[in-house]
Amino acid sequence: RKRLEHLWKTLRYPGRTFSTVSPTRYARRLCQWVEAHT
């Protein structure tokens, strides 16, 4: 379900970041957010 949602959002929001990505990318991106905002 989430993999299909990821494909749909990739088409719907080109060039923008959204929540439904792979767990690896999701974890890395949240850590980068904390690093950039502390």
PDB file of all heavy atoms in Angstrom:
ATOM      1  N   ARG A   1       0.828  -1.213   0.000  1.00  0.00           N
ATOM      2  CA  ARG A   1       0.000   0.000   0.000  1.00  0.00           C
ATOM      3  C   ARG A   1       0.857   1.257   0.000  1.00  0.00           C
ATOM      4  O   ARG A   1       0.615   2.189  -0.762  1.00  0.00           O
ATOM      5  CB  ARG A   1      -0.922  -0.019   1.220  1.00  0.00           C
ATOM      6  CG  ARG A   1      -1.903   1.152   1.287  1.00  0.00           C
ATOM      7  CD  ARG A   1      -2.518   1.232   2.672  1.00  0.00           C
ATOM      8  NE  ARG A   1      -3.137  -0.038   3.024  1.00  0.00           N
ATOM      9  CZ  ARG A   1      -4.422  -0.194   3.319  1.00  0.00           C
ATOM     10  NH1 ARG A   1      -5.215   0.857   3.295  1.00  0.00           N
ATOM     11  NH2 ARG A   1      -4.907  -1.354   3.650  1.00  0.00           N
ATOM     12  N   LYS A   2       1.866   1.303   0.855  1.00  0.00           N
ATOM     13  CA  LYS A   2       2.734   2.478   0.944  1.00  0.00           C
ATOM     14  C   LYS A   2       3.658   2.597  -0.272  1.00  0.00           C
ATOM     15  O   LYS A   2       4.003   3.712  -0.696  1.00  0.00           O
ATOM     16  CB  LYS A   2       3.546   2.430   2.239  1.00  0.00           C
ATOM     17  CG  LYS A   2       2.728   2.768   3.475  1.00  0.00           C
ATOM     18  CD  LYS A   2       2.245   4.205   3.433  1.00  0.00           C
ATOM     19  CE  LYS A   2       1.377   4.578   4.612  1.00  0.00           C
ATOM     20  NZ  LYS A   2       0.902   5.980   4.528  1.00  0.00           N
ATOM     21  N   ARG A   3       4.063   1.479  -0.861  1.00  0.00           N
ATOM     22  CA  ARG A   3       4.898   1.538  -2.069  1.00  0.00           C
ATOM     23  C   ARG A   3       4.110   2.140  -3.234  1.00  0.00           C
ATOM     24  O   ARG A   3       4.643   2.955  -4.007  1.00  0.00           O
ATOM     25  CB  ARG A   3       5.405   0.140  -2.419  1.00  0.00           C
ATOM     26  CG  ARG A   3       6.395  -0.416  -1.410  1.00  0.00           C
ATOM     27  CD  ARG A   3       6.765  -1.867  -1.716  1.00  0.00           C
ATOM     28  NE  ARG A   3       7.535  -2.451  -0.644  1.00  0.00           N
ATOM     29  CZ  ARG A   3       8.861  -2.384  -0.531  1.00  0.00           C
ATOM     30  NH1 ARG A   3       9.563  -1.754  -1.466  1.00  0.00           N
ATOM     31  NH2 ARG A   3       9.484  -2.948   0.482  1.00  0.00           N
ATOM     32  N   LEU A   4       2.848   1.758  -3.354  1.00  0.00           N
ATOM     33  CA  LEU A   4       2.008   2.342  -4.396  1.00  0.00           C
ATOM     34  C   LEU A   4       1.749   3.820  -4.128  1.00  0.00           C
ATOM     35  O   LEU A   4       1.736   4.647  -5.052  1.00  0.00           O
ATOM     36  CB  LEU A   4       0.685   1.580  -4.475  1.00  0.00           C
ATOM     37  CG  LEU A   4       0.771   0.131  -4.964  1.00  0.00           C
ATOM     38  CD1 LEU A   4      -0.595  -0.544  -4.878  1.00  0.00           C
ATOM     39  CD2 LEU A   4       1.317   0.063  -6.387  1.00  0.00           C
ATOM     40  N   GLU A   5       1.558   4.161  -2.851  1.00  0.00           N
ATOM     41  CA  GLU A   5       1.375   5.569  -2.488  1.00  0.00           C
ATOM     42  C   GLU A   5       2.616   6.381  -2.837  1.00  0.00           C
ATOM     43  O   GLU A   5       2.520   7.531  -3.281  1.00  0.00           O
ATOM     44  CB  GLU A   5       1.056   5.674  -0.998  1.00  0.00           C
ATOM     45  CG  GLU A   5       0.729   7.080  -0.529  1.00  0.00           C
ATOM     46  CD  GLU A   5       0.388   7.142   0.940  1.00  0.00           C
ATOM     47  OE1 GLU A   5      -0.212   6.165   1.457  1.00  0.00           O
ATOM     48  OE2 GLU A   5       0.713   8.159   1.584  1.00  0.00           O
ATOM     49  N   HIS A   6       3.797   5.780  -2.630  1.00  0.00           N
ATOM     50  CA  HIS A   6       5.055   6.463  -2.969  1.00  0.00           C
ATOM     51  C   HIS A   6       5.110   6.758  -4.468  1.00  0.00           C
ATOM     52  O   HIS A   6       5.481   7.876  -4.886  1.00  0.00           O
ATOM     53  CB  HIS A   6       6.244   5.598  -2.560  1.00  0.00           C
ATOM     54  CG  HIS A   6       7.559   6.079  -3.106  1.00  0.00           C
ATOM     55  ND1 HIS A   6       8.200   7.190  -2.623  1.00  0.00           N
ATOM     56  CD2 HIS A   6       8.338   5.599  -4.123  1.00  0.00           C
ATOM     57  CE1 HIS A   6       9.318   7.391  -3.302  1.00  0.00           C
ATOM     58  NE2 HIS A   6       9.424   6.438  -4.216  1.00  0.00           N
ATOM     59  N   LEU A   7       4.743   5.787  -5.300  1.00  0.00           N
ATOM     60  CA  LEU A   7       4.765   5.999  -6.749  1.00  0.00           C
ATOM     61  C   LEU A   7       3.788   7.102  -7.151  1.00  0.00           C
ATOM     62  O   LEU A   7       4.111   7.971  -7.977  1.00  0.00           O
ATOM     63  CB  LEU A   7       4.406   4.695  -7.459  1.00  0.00           C
ATOM     64  CG  LEU A   7       5.435   3.556  -7.348  1.00  0.00           C
ATOM     65  CD1 LEU A   7       4.911   2.299  -8.012  1.00  0.00           C
ATOM     66  CD2 LEU A   7       6.770   3.979  -7.967  1.00  0.00           C
ATOM     67  N   TRP A   8       2.595   7.087  -6.565  1.00  0.00           N
ATOM     68  CA  TRP A   8       1.611   8.105  -6.889  1.00  0.00           C
ATOM     69  C   TRP A   8       2.092   9.498  -6.486  1.00  0.00           C
ATOM     70  O   TRP A   8       1.965  10.471  -7.260  1.00  0.00           O
ATOM     71  CB  TRP A   8       0.284   7.789  -6.197  1.00  0.00           C
ATOM     72  CG  TRP A   8      -0.778   8.808  -6.478  1.00  0.00           C
ATOM     73  CD1 TRP A   8      -1.586   8.883  -7.568  1.00  0.00           C
ATOM     74  CD2 TRP A   8      -1.124   9.915  -5.643  1.00  0.00           C
ATOM     75  NE1 TRP A   8      -2.422   9.968  -7.473  1.00  0.00           N
ATOM     76  CE2 TRP A   8      -2.161  10.627  -6.311  1.00  0.00           C
ATOM     77  CE3 TRP A   8      -0.664  10.386  -4.410  1.00  0.00           C
ATOM     78  CZ2 TRP A   8      -2.746  11.763  -5.769  1.00  0.00           C
ATOM     79  CZ3 TRP A   8      -1.241  11.526  -3.871  1.00  0.00           C
ATOM     80  CH2 TRP A   8      -2.267  12.195  -4.546  1.00  0.00           C
ATOM     81  N   LYS A   9       2.666   9.638  -5.310  1.00  0.00           N
ATOM     82  CA  LYS A   9       3.122  10.945  -4.844  1.00  0.00           C
ATOM     83  C   LYS A   9       4.328  11.436  -5.639  1.00  0.00           C
ATOM     84  O   LYS A   9       4.526  12.649  -5.803  1.00  0.00           O
ATOM     85  CB  LYS A   9       3.448  10.890  -3.354  1.00  0.00           C
ATOM     86  CG  LYS A   9       2.206  10.810  -2.466  1.00  0.00           C
ATOM     87  CD  LYS A   9       2.557  10.892  -0.989  1.00  0.00           C
ATOM     88  CE  LYS A   9       1.294  10.928  -0.138  1.00  0.00           C
ATOM     89  NZ  LYS A   9       1.593  11.008   1.313  1.00  0.00           N
ATOM     90  N   THR A  10       5.148  10.505  -6.147  1.00  0.00           N
ATOM     91  CA  THR A  10       6.270  10.905  -6.983  1.00  0.00           C
ATOM     92  C   THR A  10       5.777  11.613  -8.247  1.00  0.00           C
ATOM     93  O   THR A  10       6.364  12.603  -8.701  1.00  0.00           O
ATOM     94  CB  THR A  10       7.112   9.675  -7.367  1.00  0.00           C
ATOM     95  OG1 THR A  10       7.610   9.059  -6.179  1.00  0.00           O
ATOM     96  CG2 THR A  10       8.301  10.073  -8.236  1.00  0.00           C
ATOM     97  N   LEU A  11       4.686  11.102  -8.803  1.00  0.00           N
ATOM     98  CA  LEU A  11       4.083  11.733  -9.981  1.00  0.00           C
ATOM     99  C   LEU A  11       3.313  12.999  -9.615  1.00  0.00           C
ATOM    100  O   LEU A  11       3.316  13.976 -10.365  1.00  0.00           O
ATOM    101  CB  LEU A  11       3.155  10.737 -10.676  1.00  0.00           C
ATOM    102  CG  LEU A  11       3.808   9.450 -11.206  1.00  0.00           C
ATOM    103  CD1 LEU A  11       2.742   8.496 -11.732  1.00  0.00           C
ATOM    104  CD2 LEU A  11       4.834   9.765 -12.286  1.00  0.00           C
ATOM    105  N   ARG A  12       2.673  12.972  -8.467  1.00  0.00           N
ATOM    106  CA  ARG A  12       1.808  14.087  -8.052  1.00  0.00           C
ATOM    107  C   ARG A  12       2.620  15.294  -7.591  1.00  0.00           C
ATOM    108  O   ARG A  12       2.209  16.445  -7.792  1.00  0.00           O
ATOM    109  CB  ARG A  12       0.890  13.610  -6.924  1.00  0.00           C
ATOM    110  CG  ARG A  12      -0.027  14.667  -6.346  1.00  0.00           C
ATOM    111  CD  ARG A  12      -1.098  15.083  -7.344  1.00  0.00           C
ATOM    112  NE  ARG A  12      -2.044  16.009  -6.745  1.00  0.00           N
ATOM    113  CZ  ARG A  12      -1.828  17.324  -6.625  1.00  0.00           C
ATOM    114  NH1 ARG A  12      -0.690  17.840  -7.066  1.00  0.00           N
ATOM    115  NH2 ARG A  12      -2.742  18.098  -6.084  1.00  0.00           N
ATOM    116  N   TYR A  13       3.766  15.059  -6.928  1.00  0.00           N
ATOM    117  CA  TYR A  13       4.559  16.150  -6.355  1.00  0.00           C
ATOM    118  C   TYR A  13       5.998  16.103  -6.853  1.00  0.00           C
ATOM    119  O   TYR A  13       6.932  15.881  -6.066  1.00  0.00           O
ATOM    120  CB  TYR A  13       4.543  16.075  -4.826  1.00  0.00           C
ATOM    121  CG  TYR A  13       3.162  16.063  -4.219  1.00  0.00           C
ATOM    122  CD1 TYR A  13       2.649  14.904  -3.631  1.00  0.00           C
ATOM    123  CD2 TYR A  13       2.377  17.211  -4.211  1.00  0.00           C
ATOM    124  CE1 TYR A  13       1.385  14.896  -3.053  1.00  0.00           C
ATOM    125  CE2 TYR A  13       1.113  17.209  -3.638  1.00  0.00           C
ATOM    126  CZ  TYR A  13       0.621  16.050  -3.064  1.00  0.00           C
ATOM    127  OH  TYR A  13      -0.633  16.044  -2.508  1.00  0.00           O
ATOM    128  N   PRO A  14       6.245  16.286  -8.141  1.00  0.00           N
ATOM    129  CA  PRO A  14       7.632  16.223  -8.648  1.00  0.00           C
ATOM    130  C   PRO A  14       8.508  17.309  -8.037  1.00  0.00           C
ATOM    131  O   PRO A  14       8.105  18.474  -7.940  1.00  0.00           O
ATOM    132  CB  PRO A  14       7.451  16.437 -10.158  1.00  0.00           C
ATOM    133  CG  PRO A  14       6.135  17.157 -10.298  1.00  0.00           C
ATOM    134  CD  PRO A  14       5.275  16.626  -9.194  1.00  0.00           C
ATOM    135  N   GLY A  15       9.690  16.914  -7.565  1.00  0.00           N
ATOM    136  CA  GLY A  15      10.630  17.867  -6.988  1.00  0.00           C
ATOM    137  C   GLY A  15      10.326  18.297  -5.578  1.00  0.00           C
ATOM    138  O   GLY A  15      11.042  19.137  -5.018  1.00  0.00           O
ATOM    139  N   ARG A  16       9.269  17.736  -4.967  1.00  0.00           N
ATOM    140  CA  ARG A  16       8.928  18.106  -3.593  1.00  0.00           C
ATOM    141  C   ARG A  16       9.101  16.899  -2.679  1.00  0.00           C
ATOM    142  O   ARG A  16       9.064  15.747  -3.105  1.00  0.00           O
ATOM    143  CB  ARG A  16       7.489  18.617  -3.524  1.00  0.00           C
ATOM    144  CG  ARG A  16       7.222  19.836  -4.416  1.00  0.00           C
ATOM    145  CD  ARG A  16       5.799  20.300  -4.271  1.00  0.00           C
ATOM    146  NE  ARG A  16       5.537  20.839  -2.933  1.00  0.00           N
ATOM    147  CZ  ARG A  16       4.321  21.142  -2.493  1.00  0.00           C
ATOM    148  NH1 ARG A  16       3.258  20.923  -3.256  1.00  0.00           N
ATOM    149  NH2 ARG A  16       4.164  21.633  -1.272  1.00  0.00           N
ATOM    150  N   THR A  17       9.290  17.163  -1.388  1.00  0.00           N
ATOM    151  CA  THR A  17       9.473  16.080  -0.419  1.00  0.00           C
ATOM    152  C   THR A  17       8.149  15.762   0.253  1.00  0.00           C
ATOM    153  O   THR A  17       7.386  16.664   0.615  1.00  0.00           O
ATOM    154  CB  THR A  17      10.507  16.463   0.650  1.00  0.00           C
ATOM    155  OG1 THR A  17      10.095  17.667   1.307  1.00  0.00           O
ATOM    156  CG2 THR A  17      11.881  16.675   0.029  1.00  0.00           C
ATOM    157  N   PHE A  18       7.871  14.478   0.406  1.00  0.00           N
ATOM    158  CA  PHE A  18       6.642  14.020   1.045  1.00  0.00           C
ATOM    159  C   PHE A  18       6.972  12.870   1.973  1.00  0.00           C
ATOM    160  O   PHE A  18       8.089  12.327   1.970  1.00  0.00           O
ATOM    161  CB  PHE A  18       5.599  13.613  -0.007  1.00  0.00           C
ATOM    162  CG  PHE A  18       6.143  12.759  -1.116  1.00  0.00           C
ATOM    163  CD1 PHE A  18       6.280  11.389  -0.965  1.00  0.00           C
ATOM    164  CD2 PHE A  18       6.532  13.334  -2.317  1.00  0.00           C
ATOM    165  CE1 PHE A  18       6.782  10.600  -1.975  1.00  0.00           C
ATOM    166  CE2 PHE A  18       7.039  12.546  -3.343  1.00  0.00           C
ATOM    167  CZ  PHE A  18       7.163  11.178  -3.178  1.00  0.00           C
ATOM    168  N   SER A  19       6.006  12.468   2.785  1.00  0.00           N
ATOM    169  CA  SER A  19       6.291  11.535   3.883  1.00  0.00           C
ATOM    170  C   SER A  19       6.468  10.094   3.418  1.00  0.00           C
ATOM    171  O   SER A  19       7.195   9.331   4.048  1.00  0.00           O
ATOM    172  CB  SER A  19       5.177  11.597   4.939  1.00  0.00           C
ATOM    173  OG  SER A  19       3.939  11.171   4.382  1.00  0.00           O
ATOM    174  N   THR A  20       5.797   9.689   2.333  1.00  0.00           N
ATOM    175  CA  THR A  20       5.807   8.277   1.952  1.00  0.00           C
ATOM    176  C   THR A  20       7.022   7.951   1.101  1.00  0.00           C
ATOM    177  O   THR A  20       6.974   8.014  -0.140  1.00  0.00           O
ATOM    178  CB  THR A  20       4.507   7.925   1.203  1.00  0.00           C
ATOM    179  OG1 THR A  20       3.391   8.423   1.935  1.00  0.00           O
ATOM    180  CG2 THR A  20       4.371   6.416   1.070  1.00  0.00           C
ATOM    181  N   VAL A  21       8.106   7.619   1.757  1.00  0.00           N
ATOM    182  CA  VAL A  21       9.341   7.181   1.105  1.00  0.00           C
ATOM    183  C   VAL A  21       9.817   5.919   1.812  1.00  0.00           C
ATOM    184  O   VAL A  21       9.233   5.498   2.814  1.00  0.00           O
ATOM    185  CB  VAL A  21      10.428   8.281   1.159  1.00  0.00           C
ATOM    186  CG1 VAL A  21      10.006   9.502   0.347  1.00  0.00           C
ATOM    187  CG2 VAL A  21      10.712   8.695   2.605  1.00  0.00           C
ATOM    188  N   SER A  22      10.877   5.307   1.327  1.00  0.00           N
ATOM    189  CA  SER A  22      11.369   4.078   1.945  1.00  0.00           C
ATOM    190  C   SER A  22      11.819   4.345   3.375  1.00  0.00           C
ATOM    191  O   SER A  22      12.219   5.469   3.710  1.00  0.00           O
ATOM    192  CB  SER A  22      12.556   3.532   1.148  1.00  0.00           C
ATOM    193  OG  SER A  22      13.693   4.359   1.310  1.00  0.00           O
ATOM    194  N   PRO A  23      11.759   3.327   4.250  1.00  0.00           N
ATOM    195  CA  PRO A  23      12.213   3.523   5.638  1.00  0.00           C
ATOM    196  C   PRO A  23      13.646   4.031   5.742  1.00  0.00           C
ATOM    197  O   PRO A  23      13.958   4.834   6.630  1.00  0.00           O
ATOM    198  CB  PRO A  23      12.053   2.122   6.239  1.00  0.00           C
ATOM    199  CG  PRO A  23      10.929   1.512   5.479  1.00  0.00           C
ATOM    200  CD  PRO A  23      11.111   2.006   4.062  1.00  0.00           C
ATOM    201  N   THR A  24      14.517   3.591   4.837  1.00  0.00           N
ATOM    202  CA  THR A  24      15.908   4.061   4.872  1.00  0.00           C
ATOM    203  C   THR A  24      15.986   5.556   4.597  1.00  0.00           C
ATOM    204  O   THR A  24      16.655   6.308   5.313  1.00  0.00           O
ATOM    205  CB  THR A  24      16.755   3.298   3.844  1.00  0.00           C
ATOM    206  OG1 THR A  24      16.779   1.907   4.196  1.00  0.00           O
ATOM    207  CG2 THR A  24      18.180   3.823   3.799  1.00  0.00           C
ATOM    208  N   ARG A  25      15.296   5.991   3.554  1.00  0.00           N
ATOM    209  CA  ARG A  25      15.304   7.407   3.214  1.00  0.00           C
ATOM    210  C   ARG A  25      14.583   8.225   4.280  1.00  0.00           C
ATOM    211  O   ARG A  25      15.002   9.337   4.616  1.00  0.00           O
ATOM    212  CB  ARG A  25      14.643   7.611   1.849  1.00  0.00           C
ATOM    213  CG  ARG A  25      14.715   9.034   1.340  1.00  0.00           C
ATOM    214  CD  ARG A  25      14.115   9.133  -0.047  1.00  0.00           C
ATOM    215  NE  ARG A  25      14.070  10.505  -0.518  1.00  0.00           N
ATOM    216  CZ  ARG A  25      13.462  10.902  -1.637  1.00  0.00           C
ATOM    217  NH1 ARG A  25      12.860   9.984  -2.398  1.00  0.00           N
ATOM    218  NH2 ARG A  25      13.448  12.168  -1.995  1.00  0.00           N
ATOM    219  N   TYR A  26      13.495   7.699   4.803  1.00  0.00           N
ATOM    220  CA  TYR A  26      12.734   8.421   5.830  1.00  0.00           C
ATOM    221  C   TYR A  26      13.606   8.674   7.062  1.00  0.00           C
ATOM    222  O   TYR A  26      13.653   9.789   7.590  1.00  0.00           O
ATOM    223  CB  TYR A  26      11.494   7.612   6.213  1.00  0.00           C
ATOM    224  CG  TYR A  26      10.472   8.400   6.997  1.00  0.00           C
ATOM    225  CD1 TYR A  26       9.381   8.972   6.355  1.00  0.00           C
ATOM    226  CD2 TYR A  26      10.580   8.577   8.376  1.00  0.00           C
ATOM    227  CE1 TYR A  26       8.431   9.701   7.057  1.00  0.00           C
ATOM    228  CE2 TYR A  26       9.651   9.311   9.082  1.00  0.00           C
ATOM    229  CZ  TYR A  26       8.574   9.869   8.420  1.00  0.00           C
ATOM    230  OH  TYR A  26       7.648  10.602   9.126  1.00  0.00           O
ATOM    231  N   ALA A  27      14.312   7.634   7.521  1.00  0.00           N
ATOM    232  CA  ALA A  27      15.164   7.771   8.706  1.00  0.00           C
ATOM    233  C   ALA A  27      16.285   8.771   8.461  1.00  0.00           C
ATOM    234  O   ALA A  27      16.561   9.637   9.306  1.00  0.00           O
ATOM    235  CB  ALA A  27      15.731   6.409   9.086  1.00  0.00           C
ATOM    236  N   ARG A  28      16.939   8.651   7.311  1.00  0.00           N
ATOM    237  CA  ARG A  28      18.053   9.559   7.008  1.00  0.00           C
ATOM    238  C   ARG A  28      17.582  11.001   6.936  1.00  0.00           C
ATOM    239  O   ARG A  28      18.228  11.918   7.459  1.00  0.00           O
ATOM    240  CB  ARG A  28      18.703   9.135   5.689  1.00  0.00           C
ATOM    241  CG  ARG A  28      19.883  10.023   5.279  1.00  0.00           C
ATOM    242  CD  ARG A  28      20.604   9.499   4.052  1.00  0.00           C
ATOM    243  NE  ARG A  28      19.718   9.507   2.877  1.00  0.00           N
ATOM    244  CZ  ARG A  28      19.277   8.412   2.271  1.00  0.00           C
ATOM    245  NH1 ARG A  28      19.610   7.217   2.726  1.00  0.00           N
ATOM    246  NH2 ARG A  28      18.495   8.500   1.212  1.00  0.00           N
ATOM    247  N   ARG A  29      16.443  11.228   6.297  1.00  0.00           N
ATOM    248  CA  ARG A  29      15.946  12.588   6.118  1.00  0.00           C
ATOM    249  C   ARG A  29      15.558  13.236   7.447  1.00  0.00           C
ATOM    250  O   ARG A  29      15.828  14.423   7.678  1.00  0.00           O
ATOM    251  CB  ARG A  29      14.733  12.557   5.180  1.00  0.00           C
ATOM    252  CG  ARG A  29      14.259  13.907   4.716  1.00  0.00           C
ATOM    253  CD  ARG A  29      13.164  13.747   3.664  1.00  0.00           C
ATOM    254  NE  ARG A  29      11.981  13.089   4.214  1.00  0.00           N
ATOM    255  CZ  ARG A  29      10.945  12.694   3.458  1.00  0.00           C
ATOM    256  NH1 ARG A  29      10.981  12.863   2.147  1.00  0.00           N
ATOM    257  NH2 ARG A  29       9.895  12.127   4.024  1.00  0.00           N
ATOM    258  N   LEU A  30      14.939  12.469   8.358  1.00  0.00           N
ATOM    259  CA  LEU A  30      14.565  13.036   9.653  1.00  0.00           C
ATOM    260  C   LEU A  30      15.799  13.370  10.479  1.00  0.00           C
ATOM    261  O   LEU A  30      15.848  14.415  11.154  1.00  0.00           O
ATOM    262  CB  LEU A  30      13.662  12.061  10.416  1.00  0.00           C
ATOM    263  CG  LEU A  30      13.017  12.602  11.689  1.00  0.00           C
ATOM    264  CD1 LEU A  30      12.227  13.883  11.420  1.00  0.00           C
ATOM    265  CD2 LEU A  30      12.104  11.560  12.320  1.00  0.00           C
ATOM    266  N   CYS A  31      16.809  12.513  10.427  1.00  0.00           N
ATOM    267  CA  CYS A  31      18.072  12.815  11.129  1.00  0.00           C
ATOM    268  C   CYS A  31      18.721  14.072  10.559  1.00  0.00           C
ATOM    269  O   CYS A  31      19.244  14.912  11.312  1.00  0.00           O
ATOM    270  CB  CYS A  31      19.029  11.634  11.018  1.00  0.00           C
ATOM    271  SG  CYS A  31      18.591  10.215  12.043  1.00  0.00           S
ATOM    272  N   GLN A  32      18.680  14.230   9.244  1.00  0.00           N
ATOM    273  CA  GLN A  32      19.252  15.423   8.617  1.00  0.00           C
ATOM    274  C   GLN A  32      18.479  16.668   9.025  1.00  0.00           C
ATOM    275  O   GLN A  32      19.077  17.740   9.199  1.00  0.00           O
ATOM    276  CB  GLN A  32      19.249  15.256   7.091  1.00  0.00           C
ATOM    277  CG  GLN A  32      20.247  14.222   6.590  1.00  0.00           C
ATOM    278  CD  GLN A  32      20.087  13.915   5.106  1.00  0.00           C
ATOM    279  OE1 GLN A  32      19.069  14.250   4.484  1.00  0.00           O
ATOM    280  NE2 GLN A  32      21.086  13.290   4.514  1.00  0.00           N
ATOM    281  N   TRP A  33      17.162  16.531   9.175  1.00  0.00           N
ATOM    282  CA  TRP A  33      16.368  17.680   9.619  1.00  0.00           C
ATOM    283  C   TRP A  33      16.800  18.115  11.011  1.00  0.00           C
ATOM    284  O   TRP A  33      16.978  19.324  11.262  1.00  0.00           O
ATOM    285  CB  TRP A  33      14.875  17.317   9.623  1.00  0.00           C
ATOM    286  CG  TRP A  33      13.978  18.488   9.885  1.00  0.00           C
ATOM    287  CD1 TRP A  33      13.336  19.252   8.960  1.00  0.00           C
ATOM    288  CD2 TRP A  33      13.660  19.064  11.165  1.00  0.00           C
ATOM    289  NE1 TRP A  33      12.622  20.257   9.576  1.00  0.00           N
ATOM    290  CE2 TRP A  33      12.799  20.169  10.927  1.00  0.00           C
ATOM    291  CE3 TRP A  33      14.008  18.743  12.466  1.00  0.00           C
ATOM    292  CZ2 TRP A  33      12.303  20.954  11.966  1.00  0.00           C
ATOM    293  CZ3 TRP A  33      13.497  19.532  13.505  1.00  0.00           C
ATOM    294  CH2 TRP A  33      12.667  20.628  13.240  1.00  0.00           C
ATOM    295  N   VAL A  34      16.973  17.168  11.919  1.00  0.00           N
ATOM    296  CA  VAL A  34      17.374  17.519  13.284  1.00  0.00           C
ATOM    297  C   VAL A  34      18.762  18.154  13.278  1.00  0.00           C
ATOM    298  O   VAL A  34      19.004  19.168  13.968  1.00  0.00           O
ATOM    299  CB  VAL A  34      17.353  16.271  14.186  1.00  0.00           C
ATOM    300  CG1 VAL A  34      17.930  16.589  15.561  1.00  0.00           C
ATOM    301  CG2 VAL A  34      15.932  15.740  14.316  1.00  0.00           C
ATOM    302  N   GLU A  35      19.664  17.610  12.503  1.00  0.00           N
ATOM    303  CA  GLU A  35      21.010  18.182  12.433  1.00  0.00           C
ATOM    304  C   GLU A  35      20.981  19.615  11.902  1.00  0.00           C
ATOM    305  O   GLU A  35      21.713  20.479  12.401  1.00  0.00           O
ATOM    306  CB  GLU A  35      21.903  17.318  11.537  1.00  0.00           C
ATOM    307  CG  GLU A  35      23.340  17.779  11.496  1.00  0.00           C
ATOM    308  CD  GLU A  35      24.238  16.819  10.743  1.00  0.00           C
ATOM    309  OE1 GLU A  35      23.715  15.898  10.085  1.00  0.00           O
ATOM    310  OE2 GLU A  35      25.487  16.974  10.813  1.00  0.00           O
ATOM    311  N   ALA A  36      20.138  19.873  10.915  1.00  0.00           N
ATOM    312  CA  ALA A  36      20.076  21.204  10.317  1.00  0.00           C
ATOM    313  C   ALA A  36      19.372  22.227  11.203  1.00  0.00           C
ATOM    314  O   ALA A  36      19.572  23.425  11.032  1.00  0.00           O
ATOM    315  CB  ALA A  36      19.358  21.125   8.961  1.00  0.00           C
ATOM    316  N   HIS A  37      18.582  21.752  12.151  1.00  0.00           N
ATOM    317  CA  HIS A  37      17.779  22.681  12.967  1.00  0.00           C
ATOM    318  C   HIS A  37      18.220  22.711  14.438  1.00  0.00           C
ATOM    319  O   HIS A  37      17.456  23.140  15.303  1.00  0.00           O
ATOM    320  CB  HIS A  37      16.295  22.320  12.883  1.00  0.00           C
ATOM    321  CG  HIS A  37      15.693  22.602  11.534  1.00  0.00           C
ATOM    322  ND1 HIS A  37      15.806  21.731  10.483  1.00  0.00           N
ATOM    323  CD2 HIS A  37      14.992  23.678  11.071  1.00  0.00           C
ATOM    324  CE1 HIS A  37      15.181  22.240   9.412  1.00  0.00           C
ATOM    325  NE2 HIS A  37      14.690  23.413   9.752  1.00  0.00           N
ATOM    326  N   THR A  38      19.422  22.248  14.724  1.00  0.00           N
ATOM    327  CA  THR A  38      19.948  22.316  16.103  1.00  0.00           C
ATOM    328  C   THR A  38      21.305  23.019  16.092  1.00  0.00           C
ATOM    329  O   THR A  38      22.050  22.983  15.113  1.00  0.00           O
ATOM    330  CB  THR A  38      20.105  20.925  16.716  1.00  0.00           C
ATOM    331  OG1 THR A  38      20.910  20.103  15.868  1.00  0.00           O
ATOM    332  CG2 THR A  38      18.775  20.259  16.934  1.00  0.00           C
TER     333      THR A  38
END
